[in-house]
């Protein structure tokens, strides 16, 4: 089991004599807990280390999240086509410059194109 193996290999063993050397908030919270007051040794693993390791292993690439998806494009198209004031932005979506015939040629589709819809 990869999670159990990571915990077993990376946990930090802290004997009672070294409790004062560990100043992390997580470790200090363990010392305040009644379950750990009489322990001679405490094992702990900072949550940040565990999350960083497993996010690096199974996480999502952030650059991929920033790329537009098909759903994003469909949502944008729905917004542009339903709001009258957004019609001027249709050429931008179609990679055409504004003023290349305006939006009239886009709105006046040929009869074949209308038949397909």
Foldseek 3Di string as FASTA:
>chain_A
DVLVVCLVVAWDKAFPVCLVVDDDPVSVVQCPDPVCVPDRIDIGDDPVVSVVVVCVVPNDDVVVVPDDDPVNVVVVVVVLVPDPVNLQCVCVSVVHDDPPVHCVPVVPDDPVVVVVD
